[in-house]
Structures are given as C-alpha cells and as structure tokens.
Amino acid sequence: MKKVDALLNRLQENTEKPWFPWALALLGFLDYIFIVFPMTSIVATSAVLNPKRWLRFALIPLIGSIPGALLFSLVLGHYGVTFLNWLAPSMMTSSFWMTAEHWIHQHGVWALFGLVLLPTSDQPPIAICSFAQMPFIQIALAVIFGKVIKFVFFGWLGSYAPETMSKLRRWNKVETETPSA
C-alpha cells in the first residue's frame, strides 16, 4: 500500500499537466482490476490541489471508471464467486458487503445507486448485483448516474476546500487574537 500511496503522491504533484486527468481515467479503470485506488479521494484531492480544473478532474476519470465498473460486472456475471475470491478474497466477508447485500435485496437497483453515491468502494455492491443477476442495464444506469453525481460532488467540494480552509484559518486567527473578558 505504501507504493500505491507514493505513486498517487507523485501523480498528484502534476495536476497542472494536460495528461493528468487522463491518468485519473486510467486509474479509474484499473481500480476495478486491482481494487486499491480510492478514486473519490483522488478526485477530491486533485481538485484541492488545482481548484480551477475541478470539473475536468471529476468528469474525465469517468471515462475509465464507468467502463471498468461495467466490465467488472460482466466478468463477475460470467465467472462468479471464483473470480471475486481470486481478486479480493476478503471482500465477501466484510461488514460493508453484509450491509450492502441486505440493502440491495430489500431495495434493488435504488440501493445500488445509493451505495455508488457513497465515498466507499463500488465493487461490493456491483458484485452483489451481478451475483443476484440484476439486469445489466439497471446496473449500468445506476453506476453511470451514481458515479457522475459522486465525482462531480466530491470534485466540486474539493475545489472549495482551499477557500473554506483559508476562511477557517482567518476566523481562528481573529478568535485567538481577541482578548477575553
């Protein structure tokens, strides 16, 4: 995990480069193969580092992330639990898996949509839906709309973080400099 962190840190030193959003798209796709890239955090911190490009950092990674998610769903639909156990042996025993499974069995595609909106891993709910043989078009639409909303929201939020932090620092400075009665 340290190597992944080092890679992400080096990558995010280049937010001004024109190729940077396309590197995020590649990471978004690879996240469904290696399950190690926290894409929501990467989108948000990229926007913090370069607020003027936040929308680009939110939308271009979708070019890799959405096809990666859909391919992940198709592969799981074909190879099933064997593939998931090879890829991420502990995923099916996590508490998130258990919660997601319960929600999806109760609320179907709406639960998938809601879970994709969260700043958590998308793989468990997508896998659960694939194993439950949810129609692929429902999985695709929930993933597409959920990821667009999530990445745009967290990119936008990240773009305002520097301004908000600056205001908080000024407020804290005024508060500490004000003599108490």
C-alpha atoms as a PDB file:
ATOM      1  CA  MET A   1       0.000   0.000   0.000  1.00  0.00           C
ATOM      2  CA  LYS A   2       2.953   2.331   0.592  1.00  0.00           C
ATOM      3  CA  LYS A   3       3.915   2.012  -3.072  1.00  0.00           C
ATOM      4  CA  VAL A   4       0.389   2.961  -4.127  1.00  0.00           C
ATOM      5  CA  ASP A   5       0.466   5.990  -1.807  1.00  0.00           C
ATOM      6  CA  ALA A   6       3.848   7.037  -3.196  1.00  0.00           C
ATOM      7  CA  LEU A   7       2.556   6.654  -6.754  1.00  0.00           C
ATOM      8  CA  LEU A   8      -0.534   8.739  -6.007  1.00  0.00           C
ATOM      9  CA  ASN A   9       1.523  11.446  -4.295  1.00  0.00           C
ATOM     10  CA  ARG A  10       3.888  11.680  -7.274  1.00  0.00           C
ATOM     11  CA  LEU A  11       0.962  11.709  -9.656  1.00  0.00           C
ATOM     12  CA  GLN A  12      -0.819  14.495  -7.797  1.00  0.00           C
ATOM     13  CA  GLU A  13       2.274  16.675  -7.988  1.00  0.00           C
ATOM     14  CA  ASN A  14       1.382  17.022 -11.679  1.00  0.00           C
ATOM     15  CA  THR A  15      -2.188  18.357 -11.548  1.00  0.00           C
ATOM     16  CA  GLU A  16      -1.193  21.196 -13.917  1.00  0.00           C
ATOM     17  CA  LYS A  17      -0.089  18.811 -16.671  1.00  0.00           C
ATOM     18  CA  PRO A  18      -2.511  18.231 -19.557  1.00  0.00           C
ATOM     19  CA  TRP A  19      -2.157  14.444 -19.239  1.00  0.00           C
ATOM     20  CA  PHE A  20      -3.119  14.379 -15.549  1.00  0.00           C
ATOM     21  CA  PRO A  21      -6.920  13.923 -15.973  1.00  0.00           C
ATOM     22  CA  TRP A  22      -6.257  11.088 -18.429  1.00  0.00           C
ATOM     23  CA  ALA A  23      -4.034   9.397 -15.840  1.00  0.00           C
ATOM     24  CA  LEU A  24      -7.031   9.620 -13.478  1.00  0.00           C
ATOM     25  CA  ALA A  25      -9.171   7.924 -16.139  1.00  0.00           C
ATOM     26  CA  LEU A  26      -6.645   5.079 -16.334  1.00  0.00           C
ATOM     27  CA  LEU A  27      -6.620   4.765 -12.526  1.00  0.00           C
ATOM     28  CA  GLY A  28     -10.417   4.685 -12.557  1.00  0.00           C
ATOM     29  CA  PHE A  29     -10.342   1.712 -14.894  1.00  0.00           C
ATOM     30  CA  LEU A  30      -7.507  -0.060 -13.068  1.00  0.00           C
ATOM     31  CA  ASP A  31      -9.340   0.327  -9.770  1.00  0.00           C
ATOM     32  CA  TYR A  32     -11.683  -2.466 -10.859  1.00  0.00           C
ATOM     33  CA  ILE A  33      -8.758  -4.783 -11.581  1.00  0.00           C
ATOM     34  CA  PHE A  34      -6.552  -4.094  -8.556  1.00  0.00           C
ATOM     35  CA  ILE A  35      -9.081  -2.575  -6.109  1.00  0.00           C
ATOM     36  CA  VAL A  36      -6.532  -0.254  -4.495  1.00  0.00           C
ATOM     37  CA  PHE A  37      -7.207   3.225  -5.848  1.00  0.00           C
ATOM     38  CA  PRO A  38      -9.588   5.336  -3.746  1.00  0.00           C
ATOM     39  CA  MET A  39     -10.983   7.224  -6.750  1.00  0.00           C
ATOM     40  CA  THR A  40     -13.346   9.502  -4.820  1.00  0.00           C
ATOM     41  CA  SER A  41     -10.472  10.692  -2.630  1.00  0.00           C
ATOM     42  CA  ILE A  42      -8.209  11.080  -5.639  1.00  0.00           C
ATOM     43  CA  VAL A  43     -10.790  13.235  -7.442  1.00  0.00           C
ATOM     44  CA  ALA A  44     -11.359  15.404  -4.353  1.00  0.00           C
ATOM     45  CA  THR A  45      -7.681  15.900  -3.510  1.00  0.00           C
ATOM     46  CA  SER A  46      -6.846  16.649  -7.140  1.00  0.00           C
ATOM     47  CA  ALA A  47      -9.467  19.396  -7.037  1.00  0.00           C
ATOM     48  CA  VAL A  48      -7.973  20.705  -3.784  1.00  0.00           C
ATOM     49  CA  LEU A  49      -4.552  20.913  -5.432  1.00  0.00           C
ATOM     50  CA  ASN A  50      -5.866  22.609  -8.578  1.00  0.00           C
ATOM     51  CA  PRO A  51      -9.343  24.090  -7.935  1.00  0.00           C
ATOM     52  CA  LYS A  52      -9.666  25.708 -11.376  1.00  0.00           C
ATOM     53  CA  ARG A  53      -9.655  22.277 -13.054  1.00  0.00           C
ATOM     54  CA  TRP A  54     -12.057  20.551 -10.660  1.00  0.00           C
ATOM     55  CA  LEU A  55     -14.709  19.742 -13.268  1.00  0.00           C
ATOM     56  CA  ARG A  56     -12.142  18.174 -15.581  1.00  0.00           C
ATOM     57  CA  PHE A  57     -10.820  16.105 -12.645  1.00  0.00           C
ATOM     58  CA  ALA A  58     -14.379  14.978 -11.892  1.00  0.00           C
ATOM     59  CA  LEU A  59     -15.545  14.112 -15.418  1.00  0.00           C
ATOM     60  CA  ILE A  60     -12.544  12.666 -17.264  1.00  0.00           C
ATOM     61  CA  PRO A  61     -11.924   9.864 -14.712  1.00  0.00           C
ATOM     62  CA  LEU A  62     -15.437   8.656 -15.512  1.00  0.00           C
ATOM     63  CA  ILE A  63     -14.137   7.683 -18.972  1.00  0.00           C
ATOM     64  CA  GLY A  64     -12.141   4.915 -17.271  1.00  0.00           C
ATOM     65  CA  SER A  65     -14.148   4.299 -14.140  1.00  0.00           C
ATOM     66  CA  ILE A  66     -17.537   3.611 -15.723  1.00  0.00           C
ATOM     67  CA  PRO A  67     -16.262   1.084 -18.315  1.00  0.00           C
ATOM     68  CA  GLY A  68     -14.157  -0.527 -15.571  1.00  0.00           C
ATOM     69  CA  ALA A  69     -17.228  -0.909 -13.366  1.00  0.00           C
ATOM     70  CA  LEU A  70     -19.320  -2.330 -16.180  1.00  0.00           C
ATOM     71  CA  LEU A  71     -16.595  -4.740 -17.279  1.00  0.00           C
ATOM     72  CA  PHE A  72     -16.216  -5.804 -13.631  1.00  0.00           C
ATOM     73  CA  SER A  73     -19.956  -6.540 -13.528  1.00  0.00           C
ATOM     74  CA  LEU A  74     -19.854  -8.553 -16.764  1.00  0.00           C
ATOM     75  CA  VAL A  75     -16.830 -10.588 -15.682  1.00  0.00           C
ATOM     76  CA  LEU A  76     -18.442 -11.350 -12.316  1.00  0.00           C
ATOM     77  CA  GLY A  77     -21.659 -12.325 -14.065  1.00  0.00           C
ATOM     78  CA  HIS A  78     -19.686 -14.786 -16.167  1.00  0.00           C
ATOM     79  CA  TYR A  79     -17.068 -16.165 -13.729  1.00  0.00           C
ATOM     80  CA  GLY A  80     -18.944 -15.610 -10.472  1.00  0.00           C
ATOM     81  CA  VAL A  81     -17.597 -16.005  -6.964  1.00  0.00           C
ATOM     82  CA  THR A  82     -14.427 -17.773  -8.121  1.00  0.00           C
ATOM     83  CA  PHE A  83     -13.180 -14.614  -9.834  1.00  0.00           C
ATOM     84  CA  LEU A  84     -14.043 -12.388  -6.873  1.00  0.00           C
ATOM     85  CA  ASN A  85     -12.311 -14.734  -4.418  1.00  0.00           C
ATOM     86  CA  TRP A  86      -9.217 -14.616  -6.605  1.00  0.00           C
ATOM     87  CA  LEU A  87      -9.352 -10.819  -6.924  1.00  0.00           C
ATOM     88  CA  ALA A  88     -10.312  -9.855  -3.366  1.00  0.00           C
ATOM     89  CA  PRO A  89     -10.632 -12.858  -1.046  1.00  0.00           C
ATOM     90  CA  SER A  90     -11.872 -10.903   1.978  1.00  0.00           C
ATOM     91  CA  MET A  91     -14.430  -8.718   0.192  1.00  0.00           C
ATOM     92  CA  MET A  92     -17.372 -11.058   0.713  1.00  0.00           C
ATOM     93  CA  THR A  93     -16.783 -11.273   4.467  1.00  0.00           C
ATOM     94  CA  SER A  94     -16.580  -7.524   5.111  1.00  0.00           C
ATOM     95  CA  SER A  95     -19.242  -5.712   7.113  1.00  0.00           C
ATOM     96  CA  PHE A  96     -19.781  -3.386   4.137  1.00  0.00           C
ATOM     97  CA  TRP A  97     -20.600  -6.415   1.977  1.00  0.00           C
ATOM     98  CA  MET A  98     -23.147  -7.650   4.511  1.00  0.00           C
ATOM     99  CA  THR A  99     -24.827  -4.241   4.775  1.00  0.00           C
ATOM    100  CA  ALA A 100     -24.814  -3.695   1.005  1.00  0.00           C
ATOM    101  CA  GLU A 101     -26.237  -7.166   0.414  1.00  0.00           C
ATOM    102  CA  HIS A 102     -29.088  -6.501   2.841  1.00  0.00           C
ATOM    103  CA  TRP A 103     -29.920  -3.120   1.250  1.00  0.00           C
ATOM    104  CA  ILE A 104     -29.754  -4.460  -2.302  1.00  0.00           C
ATOM    105  CA  HIS A 105     -32.018  -7.416  -1.511  1.00  0.00           C
ATOM    106  CA  GLN A 106     -34.517  -5.019   0.061  1.00  0.00           C
ATOM    107  CA  HIS A 107     -34.347  -2.078  -2.359  1.00  0.00           C
ATOM    108  CA  GLY A 108     -32.814  -3.422  -5.569  1.00  0.00           C
ATOM    109  CA  VAL A 109     -31.296  -1.014  -8.070  1.00  0.00           C
ATOM    110  CA  TRP A 110     -32.066   2.008  -5.872  1.00  0.00           C
ATOM    111  CA  ALA A 111     -29.795   0.609  -3.187  1.00  0.00           C
ATOM    112  CA  LEU A 112     -27.036   0.153  -5.772  1.00  0.00           C
ATOM    113  CA  PHE A 113     -27.484   3.755  -6.895  1.00  0.00           C
ATOM    114  CA  GLY A 114     -27.334   4.980  -3.288  1.00  0.00           C
ATOM    115  CA  LEU A 115     -24.286   2.859  -2.456  1.00  0.00           C
ATOM    116  CA  VAL A 116     -22.421   4.084  -5.547  1.00  0.00           C
ATOM    117  CA  LEU A 117     -23.008   7.657  -4.319  1.00  0.00           C
ATOM    118  CA  LEU A 118     -21.112   6.949  -1.087  1.00  0.00           C
ATOM    119  CA  PRO A 119     -17.378   7.688  -0.847  1.00  0.00           C
ATOM    120  CA  THR A 120     -16.695   3.967  -0.434  1.00  0.00           C
ATOM    121  CA  SER A 121     -15.666   1.163  -2.732  1.00  0.00           C
ATOM    122  CA  ASP A 122     -18.157   0.463  -5.522  1.00  0.00           C
ATOM    123  CA  GLN A 123     -17.003  -3.092  -6.118  1.00  0.00           C
ATOM    124  CA  PRO A 124     -19.009  -4.867  -3.377  1.00  0.00           C
ATOM    125  CA  PRO A 125     -22.454  -3.539  -4.390  1.00  0.00           C
ATOM    126  CA  ILE A 126     -21.702  -4.088  -8.088  1.00  0.00           C
ATOM    127  CA  ALA A 127     -20.605  -7.649  -7.323  1.00  0.00           C
ATOM    128  CA  ILE A 128     -23.725  -8.315  -5.243  1.00  0.00           C
ATOM    129  CA  CYS A 129     -25.957  -7.089  -8.065  1.00  0.00           C
ATOM    130  CA  SER A 130     -24.067  -9.202 -10.588  1.00  0.00           C
ATOM    131  CA  PHE A 131     -24.390 -12.302  -8.422  1.00  0.00           C
ATOM    132  CA  ALA A 132     -28.102 -11.574  -7.910  1.00  0.00           C
ATOM    133  CA  GLN A 133     -28.449 -11.494 -11.713  1.00  0.00           C
ATOM    134  CA  MET A 134     -29.815  -7.968 -11.729  1.00  0.00           C
ATOM    135  CA  PRO A 135     -30.332  -6.878 -15.353  1.00  0.00           C
ATOM    136  CA  PHE A 136     -27.126  -5.380 -16.725  1.00  0.00           C
ATOM    137  CA  ILE A 137     -28.911  -2.245 -17.972  1.00  0.00           C
ATOM    138  CA  GLN A 138     -30.059  -1.485 -14.408  1.00  0.00           C
ATOM    139  CA  ILE A 139     -26.536  -1.957 -13.054  1.00  0.00           C
ATOM    140  CA  ALA A 140     -25.136   0.218 -15.854  1.00  0.00           C
ATOM    141  CA  LEU A 141     -27.585   3.080 -15.307  1.00  0.00           C
ATOM    142  CA  ALA A 142     -27.188   3.055 -11.520  1.00  0.00           C
ATOM    143  CA  VAL A 143     -23.389   3.041 -11.829  1.00  0.00           C
ATOM    144  CA  ILE A 144     -23.280   5.734 -14.531  1.00  0.00           C
ATOM    145  CA  PHE A 145     -25.604   8.185 -12.789  1.00  0.00           C
ATOM    146  CA  GLY A 146     -24.224   7.430  -9.331  1.00  0.00           C
ATOM    147  CA  LYS A 147     -20.593   7.880 -10.346  1.00  0.00           C
ATOM    148  CA  VAL A 148     -21.275  11.095 -12.267  1.00  0.00           C
ATOM    149  CA  ILE A 149     -23.045  12.611  -9.268  1.00  0.00           C
ATOM    150  CA  LYS A 150     -20.415  11.353  -6.806  1.00  0.00           C
ATOM    151  CA  PHE A 151     -17.362  12.510  -8.772  1.00  0.00           C
ATOM    152  CA  VAL A 152     -18.869  15.907  -9.611  1.00  0.00           C
ATOM    153  CA  PHE A 153     -19.928  16.470  -5.998  1.00  0.00           C
ATOM    154  CA  PHE A 154     -16.576  15.494  -4.490  1.00  0.00           C
ATOM    155  CA  GLY A 155     -14.647  17.375  -7.182  1.00  0.00           C
ATOM    156  CA  TRP A 156     -16.712  20.491  -6.510  1.00  0.00           C
ATOM    157  CA  LEU A 157     -16.305  20.029  -2.755  1.00  0.00           C
ATOM    158  CA  GLY A 158     -12.541  19.659  -3.158  1.00  0.00           C
ATOM    159  CA  SER A 159     -12.361  22.804  -5.272  1.00  0.00           C
ATOM    160  CA  TYR A 160     -13.834  24.845  -2.435  1.00  0.00           C
ATOM    161  CA  ALA A 161     -11.689  23.291   0.290  1.00  0.00           C
ATOM    162  CA  PRO A 162      -8.762  25.754  -0.021  1.00  0.00           C
ATOM    163  CA  GLU A 163     -11.108  28.747   0.189  1.00  0.00           C
ATOM    164  CA  THR A 164     -13.001  27.254   3.114  1.00  0.00           C
ATOM    165  CA  MET A 165      -9.781  26.355   4.949  1.00  0.00           C
ATOM    166  CA  SER A 166      -8.496  29.889   4.409  1.00  0.00           C
ATOM    167  CA  LYS A 167     -11.680  31.322   5.913  1.00  0.00           C
ATOM    168  CA  LEU A 168     -11.420  28.962   8.857  1.00  0.00           C
ATOM    169  CA  ARG A 169      -7.794  29.965   9.449  1.00  0.00           C
ATOM    170  CA  ARG A 170      -8.711  33.674   9.365  1.00  0.00           C
ATOM    171  CA  TRP A 171     -11.622  33.069  11.731  1.00  0.00           C
ATOM    172  CA  ASN A 172      -9.399  31.054  14.074  1.00  0.00           C
ATOM    173  CA  LYS A 173      -6.737  33.796  13.971  1.00  0.00           C
ATOM    174  CA  VAL A 174      -9.308  36.503  14.860  1.00  0.00           C
ATOM    175  CA  GLU A 175     -10.697  34.315  17.616  1.00  0.00           C
ATOM    176  CA  THR A 176      -7.268  33.688  19.185  1.00  0.00           C
ATOM    177  CA  GLU A 177      -6.205  37.335  18.899  1.00  0.00           C
ATOM    178  CA  THR A 178      -9.382  38.679  20.509  1.00  0.00           C
ATOM    179  CA  PRO A 179      -8.715  39.372  24.180  1.00  0.00           C
ATOM    180  CA  SER A 180     -11.034  37.514  26.507  1.00  0.00           C
ATOM    181  CA  ALA A 181     -13.029  39.477  29.066  1.00  0.00           C
END
